[in-house]
């Protein structure tokens, strides 16, 4: 009886070790068969608002995620509207980011930079736009950077 219990203990330990190895080994557990393609091209971005002229040297104030495929999602408060804007204007994001021309803002220099980094319809995207001050950012014409 004692040897059977020891044998079961060793067998259970070996099975647990095998399962952990399979989970930890790269490319084995949960790997999709090679050559399969998704129905949707990946579209996931990190959008950020930075105080300063350059996103690399400024202070990040806010950041959200935006996923557009297979359906809109992420932490962006208006993800469906932001994805629709991206679909319509992905080749000219400056039109989405630029401030409304009917808005009166002061001419103070207090730059705010918005960024969009990630993958859009399967292609790498890295975009930035610098506003002269927070008023310009608040009065953008689109929902993409309205968070």
C-alpha atoms as a PDB file:
ATOM      1  CA  UNK A   1       0.000   0.000   0.000  1.00  0.00           C
ATOM      2  CA  UNK A   2       2.819   2.336   0.857  1.00  0.00           C
ATOM      3  CA  UNK A   3       4.561   1.859  -2.504  1.00  0.00           C
ATOM      4  CA  UNK A   4       1.283   2.435  -4.377  1.00  0.00           C
ATOM      5  CA  UNK A   5       0.735   5.790  -2.638  1.00  0.00           C
ATOM      6  CA  UNK A   6       4.328   6.812  -3.332  1.00  0.00           C
ATOM      7  CA  UNK A   7       3.891   5.770  -6.960  1.00  0.00           C
ATOM      8  CA  UNK A   8       0.717   7.826  -7.263  1.00  0.00           C
ATOM      9  CA  UNK A   9       2.434  10.813  -5.663  1.00  0.00           C
ATOM     10  CA  UNK A  10       5.349  10.604  -8.080  1.00  0.00           C
ATOM     11  CA  UNK A  11       2.999  10.085 -11.009  1.00  0.00           C
ATOM     12  CA  UNK A  12       0.896  13.104 -10.054  1.00  0.00           C
ATOM     13  CA  UNK A  13       3.999  15.225  -9.628  1.00  0.00           C
ATOM     14  CA  UNK A  14       5.265  14.142 -13.036  1.00  0.00           C
ATOM     15  CA  UNK A  15       1.920  14.952 -14.663  1.00  0.00           C
ATOM     16  CA  UNK A  16       1.835  18.386 -13.012  1.00  0.00           C
ATOM     17  CA  UNK A  17       5.398  19.098 -14.139  1.00  0.00           C
ATOM     18  CA  UNK A  18       4.521  18.065 -17.691  1.00  0.00           C
ATOM     19  CA  UNK A  19       1.466  20.341 -17.713  1.00  0.00           C
ATOM     20  CA  UNK A  20       3.451  23.292 -16.358  1.00  0.00           C
ATOM     21  CA  UNK A  21       6.198  22.716 -18.916  1.00  0.00           C
ATOM     22  CA  UNK A  22       3.650  22.635 -21.733  1.00  0.00           C
ATOM     23  CA  UNK A  23       2.141  25.913 -20.548  1.00  0.00           C
ATOM     24  CA  UNK A  24       5.447  27.667 -20.059  1.00  0.00           C
ATOM     25  CA  UNK A  25       7.201  26.409 -23.187  1.00  0.00           C
ATOM     26  CA  UNK A  26       6.956  29.088 -25.895  1.00  0.00           C
ATOM     27  CA  UNK A  27       4.921  28.242 -28.932  1.00  0.00           C
ATOM     28  CA  UNK A  28       3.321  25.017 -27.706  1.00  0.00           C
ATOM     29  CA  UNK A  29       0.279  25.549 -25.509  1.00  0.00           C
ATOM     30  CA  UNK A  30      -2.543  27.509 -27.080  1.00  0.00           C
ATOM     31  CA  UNK A  31      -0.676  28.037 -30.343  1.00  0.00           C
ATOM     32  CA  UNK A  32      -2.834  28.391 -33.411  1.00  0.00           C
ATOM     33  CA  UNK A  33      -2.021  26.141 -36.335  1.00  0.00           C
ATOM     34  CA  UNK A  34       0.420  27.819 -38.684  1.00  0.00           C
ATOM     35  CA  UNK A  35      -1.036  29.268 -41.839  1.00  0.00           C
ATOM     36  CA  UNK A  36      -4.381  30.240 -40.322  1.00  0.00           C
ATOM     37  CA  UNK A  37      -5.551  33.790 -40.819  1.00  0.00           C
ATOM     38  CA  UNK A  38      -8.037  35.839 -38.867  1.00  0.00           C
ATOM     39  CA  UNK A  39     -11.175  37.118 -40.511  1.00  0.00           C
ATOM     40  CA  UNK A  40     -10.192  40.638 -39.437  1.00  0.00           C
ATOM     41  CA  UNK A  41      -6.924  42.507 -39.811  1.00  0.00           C
ATOM     42  CA  UNK A  42      -5.736  43.597 -36.363  1.00  0.00           C
ATOM     43  CA  UNK A  43      -6.673  47.134 -35.373  1.00  0.00           C
ATOM     44  CA  UNK A  44      -5.614  48.131 -31.870  1.00  0.00           C
ATOM     45  CA  UNK A  45      -4.117  51.464 -30.827  1.00  0.00           C
ATOM     46  CA  UNK A  46      -2.912  53.241 -27.735  1.00  0.00           C
ATOM     47  CA  UNK A  47      -3.983  56.881 -27.823  1.00  0.00           C
ATOM     48  CA  UNK A  48      -2.234  59.370 -25.575  1.00  0.00           C
ATOM     49  CA  UNK A  49      -2.309  63.026 -24.576  1.00  0.00           C
ATOM     50  CA  UNK A  50       0.999  64.537 -23.503  1.00  0.00           C
ATOM     51  CA  UNK A  51       1.783  67.983 -22.100  1.00  0.00           C
ATOM     52  CA  UNK A  52       4.668  69.262 -24.222  1.00  0.00           C
ATOM     53  CA  UNK A  53       5.878  69.620 -27.786  1.00  0.00           C
ATOM     54  CA  UNK A  54       7.092  66.047 -28.042  1.00  0.00           C
ATOM     55  CA  UNK A  55       5.463  62.886 -26.740  1.00  0.00           C
ATOM     56  CA  UNK A  56       8.863  61.364 -25.925  1.00  0.00           C
ATOM     57  CA  UNK A  57       9.963  64.189 -23.631  1.00  0.00           C
ATOM     58  CA  UNK A  58       6.607  65.498 -22.353  1.00  0.00           C
ATOM     59  CA  UNK A  59       4.431  64.416 -19.454  1.00  0.00           C
ATOM     60  CA  UNK A  60       1.731  61.878 -20.316  1.00  0.00           C
ATOM     61  CA  UNK A  61      -1.580  63.139 -18.968  1.00  0.00           C
ATOM     62  CA  UNK A  62      -3.983  60.475 -20.245  1.00  0.00           C
ATOM     63  CA  UNK A  63      -3.896  57.333 -22.331  1.00  0.00           C
ATOM     64  CA  UNK A  64      -6.588  54.956 -23.578  1.00  0.00           C
ATOM     65  CA  UNK A  65      -6.776  51.849 -25.721  1.00  0.00           C
ATOM     66  CA  UNK A  66      -8.870  51.575 -28.851  1.00  0.00           C
ATOM     67  CA  UNK A  67      -9.689  48.262 -30.522  1.00  0.00           C
ATOM     68  CA  UNK A  68     -11.629  48.397 -33.785  1.00  0.00           C
ATOM     69  CA  UNK A  69     -11.637  44.819 -35.070  1.00  0.00           C
ATOM     70  CA  UNK A  70     -13.523  42.568 -34.893  1.00  0.00           C
ATOM     71  CA  UNK A  71     -15.765  45.044 -33.035  1.00  0.00           C
ATOM     72  CA  UNK A  72     -15.116  48.410 -31.339  1.00  0.00           C
ATOM     73  CA  UNK A  73     -13.855  48.249 -27.773  1.00  0.00           C
ATOM     74  CA  UNK A  74     -11.098  49.305 -25.420  1.00  0.00           C
ATOM     75  CA  UNK A  75     -10.975  51.973 -22.734  1.00  0.00           C
ATOM     76  CA  UNK A  76     -11.790  54.869 -25.091  1.00  0.00           C
ATOM     77  CA  UNK A  77     -15.082  56.415 -23.879  1.00  0.00           C
ATOM     78  CA  UNK A  78     -16.498  56.676 -27.446  1.00  0.00           C
ATOM     79  CA  UNK A  79     -14.836  53.684 -29.081  1.00  0.00           C
ATOM     80  CA  UNK A  80     -17.496  53.178 -31.786  1.00  0.00           C
ATOM     81  CA  UNK A  81     -17.319  56.812 -32.955  1.00  0.00           C
ATOM     82  CA  UNK A  82     -13.508  56.824 -32.800  1.00  0.00           C
ATOM     83  CA  UNK A  83     -13.304  53.639 -34.898  1.00  0.00           C
ATOM     84  CA  UNK A  84     -15.723  55.114 -37.460  1.00  0.00           C
ATOM     85  CA  UNK A  85     -13.514  58.229 -37.704  1.00  0.00           C
ATOM     86  CA  UNK A  86     -10.428  56.101 -38.201  1.00  0.00           C
ATOM     87  CA  UNK A  87     -12.107  54.070 -40.946  1.00  0.00           C
ATOM     88  CA  UNK A  88     -13.134  57.250 -42.766  1.00  0.00           C
ATOM     89  CA  UNK A  89      -9.891  59.218 -42.253  1.00  0.00           C
ATOM     90  CA  UNK A  90      -7.041  56.780 -41.594  1.00  0.00           C
ATOM     91  CA  UNK A  91      -4.964  58.238 -44.436  1.00  0.00           C
ATOM     92  CA  UNK A  92      -5.383  61.847 -43.198  1.00  0.00           C
ATOM     93  CA  UNK A  93      -5.607  61.976 -39.415  1.00  0.00           C
ATOM     94  CA  UNK A  94      -4.626  65.656 -39.318  1.00  0.00           C
ATOM     95  CA  UNK A  95      -8.163  66.445 -40.492  1.00  0.00           C
ATOM     96  CA  UNK A  96      -9.547  64.634 -37.432  1.00  0.00           C
ATOM     97  CA  UNK A  97      -7.076  66.179 -34.978  1.00  0.00           C
ATOM     98  CA  UNK A  98      -7.056  69.805 -36.074  1.00  0.00           C
ATOM     99  CA  UNK A  99      -9.134  72.243 -33.998  1.00  0.00           C
ATOM    100  CA  UNK A 100     -12.470  73.576 -35.169  1.00  0.00           C
ATOM    101  CA  UNK A 101     -11.886  76.841 -37.056  1.00  0.00           C
ATOM    102  CA  UNK A 102     -14.950  78.519 -35.503  1.00  0.00           C
ATOM    103  CA  UNK A 103     -13.495  78.307 -31.996  1.00  0.00           C
ATOM    104  CA  UNK A 104     -11.685  81.249 -30.454  1.00  0.00           C
ATOM    105  CA  UNK A 105      -8.609  80.232 -28.457  1.00  0.00           C
ATOM    106  CA  UNK A 106      -5.907  82.350 -26.887  1.00  0.00           C
ATOM    107  CA  UNK A 107      -2.515  82.410 -28.560  1.00  0.00           C
ATOM    108  CA  UNK A 108      -0.577  81.230 -25.514  1.00  0.00           C
ATOM    109  CA  UNK A 109       2.104  78.605 -26.170  1.00  0.00           C
ATOM    110  CA  UNK A 110       1.315  75.660 -23.898  1.00  0.00           C
ATOM    111  CA  UNK A 111       1.710  72.710 -26.288  1.00  0.00           C
ATOM    112  CA  UNK A 112      -0.298  69.501 -26.009  1.00  0.00           C
ATOM    113  CA  UNK A 113       0.589  66.488 -28.149  1.00  0.00           C
ATOM    114  CA  UNK A 114      -1.739  63.643 -29.065  1.00  0.00           C
ATOM    115  CA  UNK A 115      -0.424  60.286 -30.259  1.00  0.00           C
ATOM    116  CA  UNK A 116      -1.822  57.132 -31.833  1.00  0.00           C
ATOM    117  CA  UNK A 117       0.497  54.105 -31.792  1.00  0.00           C
ATOM    118  CA  UNK A 118      -0.269  50.513 -32.668  1.00  0.00           C
ATOM    119  CA  UNK A 119      -1.680  48.560 -35.584  1.00  0.00           C
ATOM    120  CA  UNK A 120      -4.390  49.780 -37.933  1.00  0.00           C
ATOM    121  CA  UNK A 121      -5.894  47.230 -40.346  1.00  0.00           C
ATOM    122  CA  UNK A 122      -2.797  45.080 -40.085  1.00  0.00           C
ATOM    123  CA  UNK A 123      -0.279  47.902 -40.646  1.00  0.00           C
ATOM    124  CA  UNK A 124       1.913  49.655 -38.088  1.00  0.00           C
ATOM    125  CA  UNK A 125       0.694  53.164 -37.224  1.00  0.00           C
ATOM    126  CA  UNK A 126       2.541  55.913 -35.391  1.00  0.00           C
ATOM    127  CA  UNK A 127       0.910  59.338 -35.452  1.00  0.00           C
ATOM    128  CA  UNK A 128       1.343  62.537 -33.455  1.00  0.00           C
ATOM    129  CA  UNK A 129      -0.125  66.031 -33.622  1.00  0.00           C
ATOM    130  CA  UNK A 130       0.826  69.009 -31.452  1.00  0.00           C
ATOM    131  CA  UNK A 131      -1.722  71.645 -30.474  1.00  0.00           C
ATOM    132  CA  UNK A 132      -0.576  75.134 -29.461  1.00  0.00           C
ATOM    133  CA  UNK A 133      -2.485  74.927 -26.174  1.00  0.00           C
ATOM    134  CA  UNK A 134      -5.189  72.911 -24.369  1.00  0.00           C
ATOM    135  CA  UNK A 135      -7.962  74.992 -25.969  1.00  0.00           C
ATOM    136  CA  UNK A 136      -7.084  73.600 -29.388  1.00  0.00           C
ATOM    137  CA  UNK A 137      -7.173  70.062 -28.019  1.00  0.00           C
ATOM    138  CA  UNK A 138     -10.563  70.575 -26.359  1.00  0.00           C
ATOM    139  CA  UNK A 139     -12.025  71.850 -29.622  1.00  0.00           C
ATOM    140  CA  UNK A 140     -10.970  69.131 -32.037  1.00  0.00           C
ATOM    141  CA  UNK A 141     -13.511  68.286 -34.681  1.00  0.00           C
ATOM    142  CA  UNK A 142     -13.506  64.533 -34.003  1.00  0.00           C
ATOM    143  CA  UNK A 143     -14.041  61.958 -31.277  1.00  0.00           C
ATOM    144  CA  UNK A 144     -10.714  60.158 -31.719  1.00  0.00           C
ATOM    145  CA  UNK A 145      -8.781  62.326 -29.253  1.00  0.00           C
ATOM    146  CA  UNK A 146     -11.786  63.303 -27.148  1.00  0.00           C
ATOM    147  CA  UNK A 147     -10.994  61.384 -23.989  1.00  0.00           C
END
